[in-house]
Amino acid sequence: MRLIAATLIAATALATPLIAQQMPGSKDKAAITGGAYTVDANHTLVKWEVNHFGFSPLWGLFGQVTGTMQLDPTNPAASKVDVTIPVSKMVTGVPGFTAHLLRDGKDGGKPDFFGSAPADARFVSTSVMVDASGEAAKVSGNLTLNGVTKPVTLDVDFYGAGKAPAQMGGKENVGFEAEATIKRSDFGLGYAVPLVSDEVELTIAAAFQK
């Protein structure tokens, strides 16, 4: 009996911290506070995906994103976003493929894609239109990629907000998921179109802290 009791006490002690832990973020829009936010670079990613010869999807990731967001929950249309994406930090998980994307052109010619010293990409919002639920928005802006600037509209969904635990800095956080489709040929990146799709699907996990 003593052994059983000791086992139950130990199990309870181990389980209690887990039971006490709760997600600090939630879908409650009331948790969103206004003000100036910065990108949480450790938890923000941009995934791109193309159709490769009709055989399979092919994708990669941009990370180490930086930037700012001005957020006003009482007047969402006044919100603004300005983010910079270091193209040179792109990863695909396949070294040879990544090397091709960042390879200079032969004999000083135009590279197939970005070249070895690509300029950072940047998105600057120009308008924010929030739907009636207050949980989805269309964020329009100008995307500069490969030295070309074009208008792009993001379909954005509110993911969650709240305050991080003290051991994680205690900062206020807000996060979103976003999607968009662009044509790479619009940005001078039309190599192998149409065998590799011109359309590029973007999926963004965006985290901000205040």
C-alpha atoms as a PDB file:
ATOM      1  CA  MET A   1       0.000   0.000   0.000  1.00  0.00           C
ATOM      2  CA  ARG A   2       2.822   2.371   0.851  1.00  0.00           C
ATOM      3  CA  LEU A   3       4.395   1.723  -2.547  1.00  0.00           C
ATOM      4  CA  ILE A   4       1.102   2.426  -4.338  1.00  0.00           C
ATOM      5  CA  ALA A   5       0.557   5.612  -2.348  1.00  0.00           C
ATOM      6  CA  ALA A   6       4.105   6.799  -3.065  1.00  0.00           C
ATOM      7  CA  THR A   7       3.629   6.089  -6.774  1.00  0.00           C
ATOM      8  CA  LEU A   8       0.368   8.057  -6.879  1.00  0.00           C
ATOM      9  CA  ILE A   9       1.947  11.018  -5.074  1.00  0.00           C
ATOM     10  CA  ALA A  10       4.896  11.040  -7.477  1.00  0.00           C
ATOM     11  CA  ALA A  11       2.610  10.840 -10.506  1.00  0.00           C
ATOM     12  CA  THR A  12       0.490  13.703  -9.194  1.00  0.00           C
ATOM     13  CA  ALA A  13       3.584  15.836  -8.580  1.00  0.00           C
ATOM     14  CA  LEU A  14       4.785  15.259 -12.117  1.00  0.00           C
ATOM     15  CA  ALA A  15       1.396  15.911 -13.696  1.00  0.00           C
ATOM     16  CA  THR A  16       0.529  19.071 -11.773  1.00  0.00           C
ATOM     17  CA  PRO A  17       2.868  21.437 -13.686  1.00  0.00           C
ATOM     18  CA  LEU A  18       1.516  20.110 -16.981  1.00  0.00           C
ATOM     19  CA  ILE A  19      -2.094  20.511 -15.882  1.00  0.00           C
ATOM     20  CA  ALA A  20      -1.372  24.045 -14.659  1.00  0.00           C
ATOM     21  CA  GLN A  21       0.117  25.080 -17.985  1.00  0.00           C
ATOM     22  CA  GLN A  22      -2.239  26.722 -20.463  1.00  0.00           C
ATOM     23  CA  MET A  23      -1.775  28.312 -23.854  1.00  0.00           C
ATOM     24  CA  PRO A  24      -0.939  31.977 -23.195  1.00  0.00           C
ATOM     25  CA  GLY A  25      -2.383  32.980 -26.565  1.00  0.00           C
ATOM     26  CA  SER A  26      -5.992  32.696 -27.651  1.00  0.00           C
ATOM     27  CA  LYS A  27      -8.406  33.604 -30.444  1.00  0.00           C
ATOM     28  CA  ASP A  28      -9.967  36.243 -28.197  1.00  0.00           C
ATOM     29  CA  LYS A  29      -9.724  39.531 -30.121  1.00  0.00           C
ATOM     30  CA  ALA A  30     -10.029  41.392 -26.818  1.00  0.00           C
ATOM     31  CA  ALA A  31      -6.485  40.239 -26.071  1.00  0.00           C
ATOM     32  CA  ILE A  32      -5.148  42.412 -28.905  1.00  0.00           C
ATOM     33  CA  THR A  33      -3.765  45.740 -27.759  1.00  0.00           C
ATOM     34  CA  GLY A  34      -2.829  48.650 -29.972  1.00  0.00           C
ATOM     35  CA  GLY A  35       0.582  50.154 -30.491  1.00  0.00           C
ATOM     36  CA  ALA A  36       3.913  49.458 -32.156  1.00  0.00           C
ATOM     37  CA  TYR A  37       4.968  45.840 -32.646  1.00  0.00           C
ATOM     38  CA  THR A  38       8.117  44.276 -34.058  1.00  0.00           C
ATOM     39  CA  VAL A  39       8.427  41.013 -35.950  1.00  0.00           C
ATOM     40  CA  ASP A  40       9.268  38.007 -33.788  1.00  0.00           C
ATOM     41  CA  ALA A  41      12.015  36.791 -36.131  1.00  0.00           C
ATOM     42  CA  ASN A  42      12.344  33.453 -34.345  1.00  0.00           C
ATOM     43  CA  HIS A  43       8.743  32.505 -35.087  1.00  0.00           C
ATOM     44  CA  THR A  44       7.980  34.100 -38.466  1.00  0.00           C
ATOM     45  CA  LEU A  45       8.312  32.136 -41.718  1.00  0.00           C
ATOM     46  CA  VAL A  46       7.377  32.635 -45.368  1.00  0.00           C
ATOM     47  CA  LYS A  47       6.817  29.446 -47.356  1.00  0.00           C
ATOM     48  CA  TRP A  48       6.770  29.551 -51.160  1.00  0.00           C
ATOM     49  CA  GLU A  49       5.502  26.736 -53.383  1.00  0.00           C
ATOM     50  CA  VAL A  50       5.547  26.078 -57.124  1.00  0.00           C
ATOM     51  CA  ASN A  51       4.364  23.275 -59.411  1.00  0.00           C
ATOM     52  CA  HIS A  52       7.423  21.394 -60.668  1.00  0.00           C
ATOM     53  CA  PHE A  53       6.801  20.000 -64.182  1.00  0.00           C
ATOM     54  CA  GLY A  54       3.338  18.846 -63.116  1.00  0.00           C
ATOM     55  CA  PHE A  55       4.998  16.030 -61.175  1.00  0.00           C
ATOM     56  CA  SER A  56       5.120  17.435 -57.662  1.00  0.00           C
ATOM     57  CA  PRO A  57       4.962  20.577 -55.564  1.00  0.00           C
ATOM     58  CA  LEU A  58       8.283  22.172 -54.704  1.00  0.00           C
ATOM     59  CA  TRP A  59       8.806  24.604 -51.859  1.00  0.00           C
ATOM     60  CA  GLY A  60      11.244  26.558 -49.735  1.00  0.00           C
ATOM     61  CA  LEU A  61      11.289  28.905 -46.777  1.00  0.00           C
ATOM     62  CA  PHE A  62      12.335  32.447 -46.022  1.00  0.00           C
ATOM     63  CA  GLY A  63      13.142  33.204 -42.395  1.00  0.00           C
ATOM     64  CA  GLN A  64      14.951  35.773 -40.268  1.00  0.00           C
ATOM     65  CA  VAL A  65      12.241  38.279 -41.187  1.00  0.00           C
ATOM     66  CA  THR A  66      12.415  41.747 -39.608  1.00  0.00           C
ATOM     67  CA  GLY A  67      10.012  44.659 -39.523  1.00  0.00           C
ATOM     68  CA  THR A  68       7.294  46.538 -37.707  1.00  0.00           C
ATOM     69  CA  MET A  69       3.528  46.708 -37.397  1.00  0.00           C
ATOM     70  CA  GLN A  70       1.366  49.549 -36.164  1.00  0.00           C
ATOM     71  CA  LEU A  71      -1.836  48.014 -34.853  1.00  0.00           C
ATOM     72  CA  ASP A  72      -5.018  49.771 -33.794  1.00  0.00           C
ATOM     73  CA  PRO A  73      -7.778  47.289 -32.831  1.00  0.00           C
ATOM     74  CA  THR A  74     -10.316  50.124 -32.590  1.00  0.00           C
ATOM     75  CA  ASN A  75      -9.528  51.211 -36.157  1.00  0.00           C
ATOM     76  CA  PRO A  76      -7.969  48.242 -37.999  1.00  0.00           C
ATOM     77  CA  ALA A  77      -7.961  50.097 -41.312  1.00  0.00           C
ATOM     78  CA  ALA A  78      -5.303  52.409 -39.876  1.00  0.00           C
ATOM     79  CA  SER A  79      -2.920  49.517 -39.187  1.00  0.00           C
ATOM     80  CA  LYS A  80       0.362  49.334 -41.106  1.00  0.00           C
ATOM     81  CA  VAL A  81       2.961  46.653 -41.787  1.00  0.00           C
ATOM     82  CA  ASP A  82       6.526  47.019 -43.072  1.00  0.00           C
ATOM     83  CA  VAL A  83       8.600  43.826 -43.218  1.00  0.00           C
ATOM     84  CA  THR A  84      11.923  42.865 -44.787  1.00  0.00           C
ATOM     85  CA  ILE A  85      12.767  39.336 -45.915  1.00  0.00           C
ATOM     86  CA  PRO A  86      16.415  38.346 -46.487  1.00  0.00           C
ATOM     87  CA  VAL A  87      16.314  36.333 -49.716  1.00  0.00           C
ATOM     88  CA  SER A  88      19.938  35.269 -49.208  1.00  0.00           C
ATOM     89  CA  LYS A  89      18.874  33.271 -46.121  1.00  0.00           C
ATOM     90  CA  MET A  90      16.435  31.098 -48.077  1.00  0.00           C
ATOM     91  CA  VAL A  91      16.446  27.359 -47.328  1.00  0.00           C
ATOM     92  CA  THR A  92      14.950  24.404 -49.199  1.00  0.00           C
ATOM     93  CA  GLY A  93      16.411  21.381 -47.412  1.00  0.00           C
ATOM     94  CA  VAL A  94      18.138  20.367 -50.666  1.00  0.00           C
ATOM     95  CA  PRO A  95      21.624  21.934 -50.939  1.00  0.00           C
ATOM     96  CA  GLY A  96      21.851  21.583 -54.722  1.00  0.00           C
ATOM     97  CA  PHE A  97      18.468  23.222 -55.272  1.00  0.00           C
ATOM     98  CA  THR A  98      19.257  26.072 -52.892  1.00  0.00           C
ATOM     99  CA  ALA A  99      22.591  26.583 -54.653  1.00  0.00           C
ATOM    100  CA  HIS A 100      20.814  26.854 -58.026  1.00  0.00           C
ATOM    101  CA  LEU A 101      18.407  29.464 -56.711  1.00  0.00           C
ATOM    102  CA  LEU A 102      21.330  31.543 -55.413  1.00  0.00           C
ATOM    103  CA  ARG A 103      23.769  30.862 -58.255  1.00  0.00           C
ATOM    104  CA  ASP A 104      25.247  33.597 -60.427  1.00  0.00           C
ATOM    105  CA  GLY A 105      24.719  33.488 -64.176  1.00  0.00           C
ATOM    106  CA  LYS A 106      27.291  31.834 -66.399  1.00  0.00           C
ATOM    107  CA  ASP A 107      30.064  34.035 -67.805  1.00  0.00           C
ATOM    108  CA  GLY A 108      28.606  37.085 -66.111  1.00  0.00           C
ATOM    109  CA  GLY A 109      25.159  36.555 -67.605  1.00  0.00           C
ATOM    110  CA  LYS A 110      21.783  36.844 -65.933  1.00  0.00           C
ATOM    111  CA  PRO A 111      21.238  34.265 -63.172  1.00  0.00           C
ATOM    112  CA  ASP A 112      18.404  31.784 -63.528  1.00  0.00           C
ATOM    113  CA  PHE A 113      16.940  33.072 -60.274  1.00  0.00           C
ATOM    114  CA  PHE A 114      18.382  35.384 -57.605  1.00  0.00           C
ATOM    115  CA  GLY A 115      22.152  35.184 -57.919  1.00  0.00           C
ATOM    116  CA  SER A 116      24.643  34.967 -55.079  1.00  0.00           C
ATOM    117  CA  ALA A 117      24.002  38.399 -53.561  1.00  0.00           C
ATOM    118  CA  PRO A 118      20.241  38.994 -53.775  1.00  0.00           C
ATOM    119  CA  ALA A 119      18.684  42.139 -52.384  1.00  0.00           C
ATOM    120  CA  ASP A 120      16.293  41.750 -49.489  1.00  0.00           C
ATOM    121  CA  ALA A 121      12.596  41.561 -50.312  1.00  0.00           C
ATOM    122  CA  ARG A 122      10.278  44.060 -48.653  1.00  0.00           C
ATOM    123  CA  PHE A 123       6.516  44.353 -48.204  1.00  0.00           C
ATOM    124  CA  VAL A 124       4.961  47.687 -47.210  1.00  0.00           C
ATOM    125  CA  SER A 125       1.209  47.801 -46.692  1.00  0.00           C
ATOM    126  CA  THR A 126      -0.955  50.468 -48.284  1.00  0.00           C
ATOM    127  CA  SER A 127      -4.406  49.432 -47.027  1.00  0.00           C
ATOM    128  CA  VAL A 128      -6.082  47.057 -44.570  1.00  0.00           C
ATOM    129  CA  MET A 129      -9.678  45.900 -45.051  1.00  0.00           C
ATOM    130  CA  VAL A 130     -11.108  43.835 -42.185  1.00  0.00           C
ATOM    131  CA  ASP A 131     -14.233  41.697 -42.604  1.00  0.00           C
ATOM    132  CA  ALA A 132     -17.306  41.850 -40.370  1.00  0.00           C
ATOM    133  CA  SER A 133     -16.009  39.154 -38.027  1.00  0.00           C
ATOM    134  CA  GLY A 134     -12.877  41.151 -37.301  1.00  0.00           C
ATOM    135  CA  GLU A 135     -10.821  37.963 -37.708  1.00  0.00           C
ATOM    136  CA  ALA A 136      -9.895  38.162 -41.393  1.00  0.00           C
ATOM    137  CA  ALA A 137      -8.515  40.934 -43.537  1.00  0.00           C
ATOM    138  CA  LYS A 138      -7.165  41.777 -46.945  1.00  0.00           C
ATOM    139  CA  VAL A 139      -3.863  43.581 -46.563  1.00  0.00           C
ATOM    140  CA  SER A 140      -2.736  45.250 -49.774  1.00  0.00           C
ATOM    141  CA  GLY A 141       0.700  46.677 -50.314  1.00  0.00           C
ATOM    142  CA  ASN A 142       3.798  46.869 -52.451  1.00  0.00           C
ATOM    143  CA  LEU A 143       6.163  43.912 -52.643  1.00  0.00           C
ATOM    144  CA  THR A 144       9.707  44.583 -53.777  1.00  0.00           C
ATOM    145  CA  LEU A 145      11.444  41.390 -54.902  1.00  0.00           C
ATOM    146  CA  ASN A 146      14.505  40.965 -57.106  1.00  0.00           C
ATOM    147  CA  GLY A 147      14.600  44.740 -57.570  1.00  0.00           C
ATOM    148  CA  VAL A 148      11.028  44.933 -58.914  1.00  0.00           C
ATOM    149  CA  THR A 149       8.055  46.423 -57.038  1.00  0.00           C
ATOM    150  CA  LYS A 150       4.521  45.163 -57.664  1.00  0.00           C
ATOM    151  CA  PRO A 151       1.199  45.418 -55.782  1.00  0.00           C
ATOM    152  CA  VAL A 152       0.253  42.313 -53.806  1.00  0.00           C
ATOM    153  CA  THR A 153      -2.757  41.525 -51.610  1.00  0.00           C
ATOM    154  CA  LEU A 154      -2.483  39.166 -48.651  1.00  0.00           C
ATOM    155  CA  ASP A 155      -5.459  37.215 -47.288  1.00  0.00           C
ATOM    156  CA  VAL A 156      -4.817  37.403 -43.547  1.00  0.00           C
ATOM    157  CA  ASP A 157      -6.415  35.470 -40.676  1.00  0.00           C
ATOM    158  CA  PHE A 158      -5.994  36.368 -37.017  1.00  0.00           C
ATOM    159  CA  TYR A 159      -4.329  33.413 -35.248  1.00  0.00           C
ATOM    160  CA  GLY A 160      -4.009  34.471 -31.624  1.00  0.00           C
ATOM    161  CA  ALA A 161      -2.931  37.066 -29.085  1.00  0.00           C
ATOM    162  CA  GLY A 162      -1.881  37.257 -25.475  1.00  0.00           C
ATOM    163  CA  LYS A 163       0.994  37.828 -23.108  1.00  0.00           C
ATOM    164  CA  ALA A 164       3.952  35.457 -23.062  1.00  0.00           C
ATOM    165  CA  PRO A 165       4.915  33.808 -19.748  1.00  0.00           C
ATOM    166  CA  ALA A 166       7.424  35.709 -17.636  1.00  0.00           C
ATOM    167  CA  GLN A 167      10.126  33.118 -18.309  1.00  0.00           C
ATOM    168  CA  MET A 168       9.722  33.872 -22.016  1.00  0.00           C
ATOM    169  CA  GLY A 169      10.017  37.640 -21.600  1.00  0.00           C
ATOM    170  CA  GLY A 170       6.419  38.507 -20.728  1.00  0.00           C
ATOM    171  CA  LYS A 171       5.869  40.461 -23.937  1.00  0.00           C
ATOM    172  CA  GLU A 172       2.504  40.960 -25.594  1.00  0.00           C
ATOM    173  CA  ASN A 173       2.201  38.843 -28.734  1.00  0.00           C
ATOM    174  CA  VAL A 174      -0.116  38.730 -31.711  1.00  0.00           C
ATOM    175  CA  GLY A 175       0.045  36.335 -34.645  1.00  0.00           C
ATOM    176  CA  PHE A 176      -1.485  35.863 -38.063  1.00  0.00           C
ATOM    177  CA  GLU A 177      -1.601  33.428 -40.954  1.00  0.00           C
ATOM    178  CA  ALA A 178      -1.571  34.865 -44.466  1.00  0.00           C
ATOM    179  CA  GLU A 179      -1.723  33.613 -48.036  1.00  0.00           C
ATOM    180  CA  ALA A 180      -1.100  35.168 -51.436  1.00  0.00           C
ATOM    181  CA  THR A 181      -0.310  34.142 -54.995  1.00  0.00           C
ATOM    182  CA  ILE A 182       2.234  36.016 -57.092  1.00  0.00           C
ATOM    183  CA  LYS A 183       3.730  35.493 -60.559  1.00  0.00           C
ATOM    184  CA  ARG A 184       7.483  35.143 -60.441  1.00  0.00           C
ATOM    185  CA  SER A 185       7.801  36.420 -64.008  1.00  0.00           C
ATOM    186  CA  ASP A 186       6.448  39.763 -62.746  1.00  0.00           C
ATOM    187  CA  PHE A 187       9.642  40.021 -60.707  1.00  0.00           C
ATOM    188  CA  GLY A 188      12.088  38.969 -63.403  1.00  0.00           C
ATOM    189  CA  LEU A 189      12.221  35.375 -62.168  1.00  0.00           C
ATOM    190  CA  GLY A 190      10.577  33.589 -65.085  1.00  0.00           C
ATOM    191  CA  TYR A 191      13.187  30.881 -65.646  1.00  0.00           C
ATOM    192  CA  ALA A 192      11.641  27.559 -66.853  1.00  0.00           C
ATOM    193  CA  VAL A 193       8.062  28.915 -67.097  1.00  0.00           C
ATOM    194  CA  PRO A 194       5.707  27.112 -67.807  1.00  0.00           C
ATOM    195  CA  LEU A 195       7.475  23.827 -66.950  1.00  0.00           C
ATOM    196  CA  VAL A 196       7.848  25.222 -63.458  1.00  0.00           C
ATOM    197  CA  SER A 197       4.720  27.215 -62.649  1.00  0.00           C
ATOM    198  CA  ASP A 198       4.766  30.967 -62.957  1.00  0.00           C
ATOM    199  CA  GLU A 199       2.363  31.135 -60.014  1.00  0.00           C
ATOM    200  CA  VAL A 200       3.988  31.015 -56.617  1.00  0.00           C
ATOM    201  CA  GLU A 201       1.801  30.303 -53.608  1.00  0.00           C
ATOM    202  CA  LEU A 202       2.911  32.079 -50.449  1.00  0.00           C
ATOM    203  CA  THR A 203       1.947  30.926 -46.954  1.00  0.00           C
ATOM    204  CA  ILE A 204       3.040  33.131 -44.086  1.00  0.00           C
ATOM    205  CA  ALA A 205       3.233  32.540 -40.352  1.00  0.00           C
ATOM    206  CA  ALA A 206       3.616  36.037 -38.905  1.00  0.00           C
ATOM    207  CA  ALA A 207       4.370  36.664 -35.247  1.00  0.00           C
ATOM    208  CA  PHE A 208       4.721  40.113 -33.670  1.00  0.00           C
ATOM    209  CA  GLN A 209       5.722  41.279 -30.205  1.00  0.00           C
ATOM    210  CA  LYS A 210       5.274  44.509 -28.242  1.00  0.00           C
END
